[in-house]
Protein backbone atom coordinates (compact mmCIF):
# COMPACT_ATOMS: atom_id res chain seq x y z
CA UNK A 1 75.39 3.69 51.59
CA UNK A 2 76.11 6.94 49.73
CA UNK A 3 79.82 6.36 50.49
CA UNK A 4 79.64 2.69 49.33
CA UNK A 5 77.99 3.66 46.09
CA UNK A 6 80.55 6.24 45.28
CA UNK A 7 83.36 3.81 46.06
CA UNK A 8 81.75 0.93 44.13
CA UNK A 9 81.29 3.01 40.98
CA UNK A 10 84.98 3.73 40.74
CA UNK A 11 86.51 0.40 42.19
CA UNK A 12 85.06 -2.62 40.43
CA UNK A 13 87.78 -4.85 41.88
CA UNK A 14 86.77 -4.03 45.54
CA UNK A 15 83.06 -3.86 46.07
CA UNK A 16 81.49 -2.79 49.36
CA UNK A 17 78.29 -4.40 50.60
CA UNK A 18 76.61 -2.47 53.37
CA UNK A 19 74.74 -4.52 55.94
CA UNK A 20 72.50 -2.29 58.05
CA UNK A 21 71.87 -3.09 61.71
CA UNK A 22 68.86 -1.82 63.70
CA UNK A 23 69.62 0.93 66.21
CA UNK A 24 68.91 -1.70 68.93
CA UNK A 25 70.65 -1.77 72.39
CA UNK A 26 70.87 -5.58 72.73
CA UNK A 27 72.69 -5.97 69.18
CA UNK A 28 75.08 -3.15 70.12
CA UNK A 29 76.00 -4.82 73.36
CA UNK A 30 76.61 -8.30 71.84
CA UNK A 31 78.13 -7.50 68.37
CA UNK A 32 81.82 -7.07 69.52
CA UNK A 33 81.72 -10.47 71.01
CA UNK A 34 79.53 -12.17 68.40
CA UNK A 35 79.30 -10.78 64.77
CA UNK A 36 82.57 -8.79 64.96
CA UNK A 37 84.47 -11.67 66.48
CA UNK A 38 83.20 -14.37 64.08
CA UNK A 39 85.44 -15.81 61.43
CA UNK A 40 83.06 -14.67 58.76
CA UNK A 41 82.29 -11.39 60.23
CA UNK A 42 82.49 -7.99 58.43
CA UNK A 43 85.67 -6.46 57.06
CA UNK A 44 84.98 -2.90 58.39
CA UNK A 45 82.23 -1.19 60.23
CA UNK A 46 80.97 2.17 61.53
CA UNK A 47 81.21 1.99 65.29
CA UNK A 48 81.64 3.94 68.43
CA UNK A 49 85.36 4.15 69.30
CA UNK A 50 84.42 4.42 73.08
CA UNK A 51 85.18 2.28 76.10
CA UNK A 52 81.45 2.00 76.74
CA UNK A 53 80.92 0.21 73.45
CA UNK A 54 83.71 -2.39 74.02
CA UNK A 55 86.01 -0.68 71.64
CA UNK A 56 88.92 -1.17 73.88
CA UNK A 57 87.96 -4.82 74.53
CA UNK A 58 88.12 -5.42 70.79
CA UNK A 59 91.65 -3.72 70.72
CA UNK A 60 92.82 -5.99 73.65
CA UNK A 61 91.26 -9.11 71.91
CA UNK A 62 93.10 -8.39 68.71
CA UNK A 63 89.99 -8.00 66.61
CA UNK A 64 90.88 -4.61 65.29
CA UNK A 65 93.62 -3.61 62.81
CA UNK A 66 95.61 -0.61 63.68
CA UNK A 67 95.30 2.27 61.19
CA UNK A 68 98.64 3.97 61.78
CA UNK A 69 99.76 3.62 58.21
CA UNK A 70 96.55 5.44 57.05
CA UNK A 71 97.10 8.11 59.53
CA UNK A 72 100.55 8.59 57.85
CA UNK A 73 99.62 8.05 54.18
CA UNK A 74 96.28 10.09 54.41
CA UNK A 75 97.90 12.85 56.56
CA UNK A 76 95.02 12.52 59.01
CA UNK A 77 97.14 14.33 61.53
CA UNK A 78 96.58 17.53 59.61
CA UNK A 79 92.89 16.79 58.89
CA UNK A 80 91.64 16.32 62.48
CA UNK A 81 91.70 18.51 65.54
CA UNK A 82 94.39 17.75 68.19
CA UNK A 83 91.84 16.71 70.66
CA UNK A 84 90.41 14.13 68.27
CA UNK A 85 93.79 12.79 67.53
CA UNK A 86 94.67 12.35 71.16
CA UNK A 87 91.40 10.78 71.98
CA UNK A 88 91.97 8.09 69.19
CA UNK A 89 95.52 7.36 70.42
CA UNK A 90 95.68 4.27 72.51
CA UNK A 91 98.17 3.51 75.33
CA UNK A 92 99.86 1.01 73.05
CA UNK A 93 100.79 3.87 70.77
CA UNK A 94 98.36 2.99 68.01
CA UNK A 95 95.11 4.30 66.52
CA UNK A 96 92.44 1.72 65.61
CA UNK A 97 89.58 4.03 64.48
CA UNK A 98 89.14 7.17 62.44
CA UNK A 99 86.53 9.84 63.27
CA UNK A 100 83.76 10.73 60.85
CA UNK A 101 81.43 13.11 62.50
CA UNK A 102 80.78 14.95 65.82
CA UNK A 103 77.54 15.47 67.62
CA UNK A 104 76.49 17.22 70.82
CA UNK A 105 73.94 16.45 73.49
CA UNK A 106 71.60 17.25 75.25
CA UNK A 107 69.41 19.77 73.68
CA UNK A 108 65.77 20.43 74.34
CA UNK A 109 63.75 21.23 71.31
CA UNK A 110 60.37 23.04 71.95
CA UNK A 111 57.31 23.67 69.84
CA UNK A 112 57.07 27.42 69.40
CA UNK A 113 53.46 27.31 68.60
CA UNK A 114 52.66 25.64 71.88
CA UNK A 115 54.90 28.00 73.84
CA UNK A 116 53.26 30.98 72.19
CA UNK A 117 49.75 29.68 72.76
CA UNK A 118 50.54 29.29 76.40
CA UNK A 119 52.64 32.45 76.86
CA UNK A 120 55.77 30.54 77.60
CA UNK A 121 59.48 31.30 77.23
CA UNK A 122 62.45 28.83 77.31
CA UNK A 123 63.44 28.36 81.05
CA UNK A 124 66.40 29.93 82.61
CA UNK A 125 65.90 28.21 86.06
CA UNK A 126 64.83 24.79 87.15
CA UNK A 127 61.68 26.27 88.83
CA UNK A 128 60.76 27.78 85.46
CA UNK A 129 61.09 24.47 83.85
CA UNK A 130 58.86 22.80 86.42
CA UNK A 131 56.27 25.51 85.92
CA UNK A 132 56.46 25.02 82.10
CA UNK A 133 55.83 21.32 82.69
CA UNK A 134 52.74 22.10 84.80
CA UNK A 135 51.42 24.55 82.24
CA UNK A 136 51.72 22.34 79.22
CA UNK A 137 50.07 19.45 81.08
CA UNK A 138 46.99 21.59 82.05
CA UNK A 139 46.77 22.50 78.34
CA UNK A 140 46.63 18.89 77.37
CA UNK A 141 50.14 18.45 76.05
CA UNK A 142 52.88 16.11 77.28
CA UNK A 143 56.00 18.00 78.47
CA UNK A 144 59.48 16.47 77.73
CA UNK A 145 59.66 13.28 75.55
CA UNK A 146 62.77 11.39 74.74
CA UNK A 147 64.09 7.78 74.41
CA UNK A 148 64.46 6.25 77.85
CA UNK A 149 67.53 4.24 77.48
CA UNK A 150 69.89 6.86 76.41
CA UNK A 151 67.88 10.00 76.57
CA UNK A 152 66.91 9.93 80.23
CA UNK A 153 69.29 7.48 81.95
CA UNK A 154 72.30 8.44 79.90
CA UNK A 155 72.21 11.80 78.02
CA UNK A 156 70.44 13.69 80.75
CA UNK A 157 72.88 12.70 83.56
CA UNK A 158 75.67 13.78 81.08
CA UNK A 159 74.05 17.22 80.90
CA UNK A 160 73.48 17.41 84.64
CA UNK A 161 77.20 16.50 85.25
CA UNK A 162 78.22 19.47 83.10
CA UNK A 163 76.00 21.71 85.34
CA UNK A 164 76.72 20.25 88.82
CA UNK A 165 80.50 19.63 88.63
CA UNK A 166 83.12 22.21 88.29
CA UNK A 167 85.63 21.89 85.41
CA UNK A 168 88.24 20.38 87.75
CA UNK A 169 85.76 17.90 89.27
CA UNK A 170 84.37 16.98 85.77
CA UNK A 171 87.77 16.21 84.50
CA UNK A 172 88.65 14.19 87.51
CA UNK A 173 85.52 12.06 87.40
CA UNK A 174 86.21 11.24 83.82
CA UNK A 175 89.53 9.74 84.96
CA UNK A 176 89.44 8.55 88.56
CA UNK A 177 87.54 5.34 87.79
CA UNK A 178 90.79 3.95 86.20
CA UNK A 179 93.48 1.99 88.04
CA UNK A 180 96.06 4.46 86.51
CA UNK A 181 94.13 7.60 87.63
CA UNK A 182 96.44 10.50 88.66
CA UNK A 183 96.33 10.73 92.45
CA UNK A 184 95.12 14.28 92.45
CA UNK A 185 91.87 13.15 90.80
CA UNK A 186 91.01 10.88 93.74
CA UNK A 187 90.10 13.91 95.87
CA UNK A 188 86.54 13.89 94.13
CA UNK A 189 84.04 11.23 94.50
CA UNK A 190 80.42 10.29 93.82
CA UNK A 191 79.61 10.82 97.46
CA UNK A 192 80.43 14.67 97.10
CA UNK A 193 77.25 16.85 97.43
CA UNK A 194 77.88 18.05 93.72
CA UNK A 195 77.59 14.32 92.67
CA UNK A 196 74.57 13.51 94.70
CA UNK A 197 72.94 16.65 93.20
CA UNK A 198 72.92 14.88 89.83
CA UNK A 199 70.66 12.20 91.00
CA UNK A 200 68.64 14.64 93.15
CA UNK A 201 67.90 16.64 90.07
CA UNK A 202 66.70 13.57 88.18
CA UNK A 203 64.42 12.90 91.01
CA UNK A 204 63.15 16.37 91.23
CA UNK A 205 62.34 16.44 87.41
CA UNK A 206 60.35 13.20 87.78
CA UNK A 207 58.47 14.40 90.96
CA UNK A 208 57.71 17.68 89.13
CA UNK A 209 56.21 15.93 86.04
CA UNK A 210 58.74 17.20 83.61
CA UNK A 211 58.86 13.85 81.66
CA UNK A 212 55.94 12.58 79.61
CA UNK A 213 53.48 10.08 81.06
CA UNK A 214 54.86 6.61 80.75
CA UNK A 215 58.40 7.93 80.11
CA UNK A 216 60.10 4.69 81.17
CA UNK A 217 58.14 2.92 78.33
CA UNK A 218 59.53 5.09 75.55
CA UNK A 219 62.24 2.56 74.67
CA UNK A 220 62.43 3.00 70.89
CA UNK A 221 63.69 6.07 69.02
CA UNK A 222 60.66 6.81 66.84
CA UNK A 223 57.83 6.97 69.44
CA UNK A 224 59.09 10.04 71.42
CA UNK A 225 60.10 11.76 68.24
CA UNK A 226 56.71 11.31 66.75
CA UNK A 227 55.04 12.53 69.88
CA UNK A 228 56.86 15.76 69.42
CA UNK A 229 56.63 16.10 65.59
CA UNK A 230 52.83 15.33 65.70
CA UNK A 231 52.36 18.27 68.16
CA UNK A 232 51.34 16.17 71.20
CA UNK A 233 54.48 16.96 73.22
CA UNK A 234 55.76 20.48 73.89
CA UNK A 235 59.43 19.59 74.17
CA UNK A 236 61.81 16.88 72.87
CA UNK A 237 65.24 16.12 74.33
CA UNK A 238 67.76 14.80 71.90
CA UNK A 239 71.09 15.51 70.33
CA UNK A 240 72.35 17.98 67.82
CA UNK A 241 71.61 15.62 64.88
CA UNK A 242 67.95 16.50 65.17
CA UNK A 243 68.62 20.15 64.69
CA UNK A 244 70.48 19.50 61.48
CA UNK A 245 68.87 19.92 58.08
CA UNK A 246 67.90 16.23 57.95
CA UNK A 247 66.50 16.20 61.52
CA UNK A 248 63.05 17.04 62.89
CA UNK A 249 62.73 19.97 60.49
CA UNK A 250 61.81 17.52 57.80
CA UNK A 251 59.01 16.05 59.85
CA UNK A 252 57.25 19.02 61.54
CA UNK A 253 54.76 21.63 60.25
CA UNK A 254 55.32 24.07 63.08
CA UNK A 255 58.21 26.32 64.15
CA UNK A 256 60.55 24.99 66.75
CA UNK A 257 63.52 26.23 68.76
CA UNK A 258 65.90 24.84 71.23
CA UNK A 259 67.22 25.57 74.69
CA UNK A 260 69.67 24.17 77.20
CA UNK A 261 68.98 22.83 80.56
CA UNK A 262 69.30 25.59 83.23
CA UNK A 263 72.46 26.13 85.20
CA UNK A 264 72.67 25.17 88.94
CA UNK A 265 74.84 27.40 91.18
CA UNK A 266 77.48 28.01 88.62
CA UNK A 267 77.83 28.46 84.86
CA UNK A 268 77.90 25.02 83.19
CA UNK A 269 81.26 23.67 82.27
CA UNK A 270 79.70 23.53 78.78
CA UNK A 271 76.08 23.73 77.62
CA UNK A 272 76.36 20.35 76.00
CA UNK A 273 78.84 17.59 75.80
CA UNK A 274 80.74 16.49 72.62
CA UNK A 275 80.59 12.88 71.29
CA UNK A 276 83.52 12.22 68.94
CA UNK A 277 83.76 8.48 68.98
CA UNK A 278 81.65 7.95 65.80
CA UNK A 279 84.28 6.30 63.64
CA UNK A 280 85.22 3.63 61.11
CA UNK A 281 87.07 0.49 62.20
CA UNK A 282 88.79 -2.33 60.25
CA UNK A 283 88.76 -5.94 61.47
CA UNK A 284 91.85 -7.97 61.63
CA UNK A 285 90.88 -10.36 58.78
CA UNK A 286 92.43 -11.38 55.44
CA UNK A 287 90.68 -8.62 53.59
CA UNK A 288 91.98 -5.93 55.94
CA UNK A 289 94.20 -4.29 53.22
CA UNK A 290 91.20 -3.85 50.93
CA UNK A 291 89.18 -2.73 53.96
CA UNK A 292 91.79 -0.08 54.68
CA UNK A 293 91.59 1.28 51.14
CA UNK A 294 87.87 1.63 51.52
CA UNK A 295 88.18 3.39 54.96
CA UNK A 296 90.91 5.71 53.54
CA UNK A 297 88.30 6.83 51.00
CA UNK A 298 85.49 6.98 53.52
CA UNK A 299 87.46 9.28 55.78
CA UNK A 300 88.93 11.30 52.91
CA UNK A 301 87.89 14.91 52.49
CA UNK A 302 85.73 13.78 49.55
CA UNK A 303 84.23 10.90 51.54
CA UNK A 304 83.47 13.06 54.59
CA UNK A 305 81.84 15.55 52.52
CA UNK A 306 79.50 12.90 50.90
CA UNK A 307 78.70 11.63 54.32
CA UNK A 308 77.94 14.99 55.82
CA UNK A 309 75.85 16.06 52.88
CA UNK A 310 73.84 12.74 53.12
CA UNK A 311 73.54 12.44 56.86
CA UNK A 312 73.41 16.27 57.65
CA UNK A 313 75.90 15.66 60.49
CA UNK A 314 78.82 17.89 61.43
CA UNK A 315 81.99 16.44 59.92
CA UNK A 316 84.91 15.60 62.08
CA UNK A 317 87.58 16.77 59.69
CA UNK A 318 88.57 20.40 59.87
CA UNK A 319 89.21 20.92 56.16
CA UNK A 320 85.74 20.34 54.87
CA UNK A 321 84.74 23.12 52.41
CA UNK A 322 82.60 25.94 53.67
CA UNK A 323 80.08 25.26 50.94
CA UNK A 324 79.35 21.86 52.34
CA UNK A 325 79.00 23.25 55.92
CA UNK A 326 76.54 25.82 54.55
CA UNK A 327 74.66 23.06 52.79
CA UNK A 328 74.28 20.58 55.69
CA UNK A 329 73.74 23.16 58.47
CA UNK A 330 70.19 24.61 58.99
CA UNK A 331 69.99 27.92 60.58
CA UNK A 332 69.56 26.14 63.86
CA UNK A 333 72.54 23.86 63.22
CA UNK A 334 74.67 26.73 62.34
CA UNK A 335 73.73 28.47 65.71
CA UNK A 336 74.53 25.25 67.56
CA UNK A 337 77.94 25.25 65.94
CA UNK A 338 78.40 28.91 67.00
CA UNK A 339 77.28 28.22 70.60
CA UNK A 340 79.82 25.38 70.90
CA UNK A 341 82.55 27.55 69.33
CA UNK A 342 81.91 30.17 71.94
CA UNK A 343 81.05 28.14 75.08
CA UNK A 344 82.81 24.81 74.38
CA UNK A 345 81.60 21.20 74.54
CA UNK A 346 83.66 19.01 76.67
CA UNK A 347 83.95 15.30 76.06
CA UNK A 348 80.91 13.37 77.30
CA UNK A 349 81.10 11.33 80.47
CA UNK A 350 79.90 8.15 78.33
CA UNK A 351 82.70 8.62 75.86
CA UNK A 352 85.35 8.23 78.62
CA UNK A 353 84.13 5.47 80.82
CA UNK A 354 84.12 1.57 80.61
CA UNK A 355 80.91 -0.38 80.00
CA UNK A 356 80.46 -1.40 83.59
CA UNK A 357 80.64 2.14 84.83
CA UNK A 358 78.21 3.39 82.12
CA UNK A 359 75.89 0.56 82.92
CA UNK A 360 75.96 1.47 86.59
CA UNK A 361 75.07 5.10 85.76
CA UNK A 362 72.04 3.92 83.61
CA UNK A 363 70.90 1.51 86.39
CA UNK A 364 71.28 4.08 89.24
CA UNK A 365 69.40 6.73 87.09
CA UNK A 366 66.69 4.27 86.28
CA UNK A 367 66.19 3.30 89.95
CA UNK A 368 66.12 7.05 91.07
CA UNK A 369 63.72 7.92 88.22
CA UNK A 370 61.36 4.99 89.20
CA UNK A 371 61.57 5.90 92.94
CA UNK A 372 63.27 2.61 93.93
CA UNK A 373 66.22 4.25 95.55
CA UNK A 374 67.27 7.65 96.87
CA UNK A 375 69.91 9.95 95.30
CA UNK A 376 72.31 9.09 98.06
CA UNK A 377 71.88 5.39 97.32
CA UNK A 378 72.45 6.12 93.67
CA UNK A 379 75.65 7.90 94.40
CA UNK A 380 76.84 5.08 96.48
CA UNK A 381 76.15 2.71 93.52
CA UNK A 382 78.41 4.83 91.29
CA UNK A 383 81.13 5.06 94.09
CA UNK A 384 81.03 1.21 94.32
CA UNK A 385 81.34 0.87 90.50
CA UNK A 386 84.26 3.27 90.50
CA UNK A 387 85.94 1.20 93.11
CA UNK A 388 85.43 -2.00 91.27
CA UNK A 389 86.83 -0.38 88.04
CA UNK A 390 89.90 0.86 89.92
CA UNK A 391 90.61 -2.77 91.10
CA UNK A 392 90.73 -3.80 87.46
């Protein structure tokens, strides 16, 4: 809205009306084939330029307009990291979205007052995490809270992959679901011990009471967050946006810190994963040239700085002024940036796989967490999903 207001003040001939949608899973799943595909649909949108959010399906269906002319006229090649430019480049040689911010996940935020009260320190091993969960429960607090749909059955498996797979295996598993996967990536599978271990760790966490009571019922964003900010839960798993100046800091009256999930038998490939698909897209409609002018401004250095200052999120452009970075980054956010700069943040699994594969991961994780299937059966579900994806 802040971007639209800034644009509208200077461009009376092209006015932007922002229609806000709820952060709701069903709408997100259906919008590409309903609202976005409708003749009277929007001219542009904030969206996730990721296979798991039907971005590539919209490209294949001719719904999105290529933005190559803007990449040239706005010199976006000089404004974004090479990795972002490569991520946005499609096999047809075009780019259909432009990145606006970067976030990382998963982090575990913890209430320092509760930890001090109980004599606890952030865990460095899984056994220590399980012991912390026991201690906080005995003291009358809930342990880790998070949103079930993408906190537990999506972002947590993302984090476990970074800890269970080697760098080579991780990179292979981000590719070998594809019919065009390089042959050398096929030596790795979901049936490998390192893959089964991802689901085994999910089960161990549930069995050891790491998650809050009724964790599968925490399906909206605000409930788990409020359990933490009200002091009822000792820990809260979420992404880097909650550590920014506009995150939970504005809602708590106690000091808090963050820690990463412990390593397994090796140093993690990265402490967290990087999500770069947050982007603007333009729809292939009669107003697309006007929409492109708007997006050119939204993704300009000035526009990105407005967005970053308003949302408190790490900008995707690399030429944003240091003063803006200092303004949006809390001390915690600055430390997160430093951690990522030092240790890296590989692309998240969910940013690289198609919807059916991500859906299979969520379903398999859900069934393991609720005790319906074994970790081995969950791994087989994923292997089957990969086989189906490879068949096209």
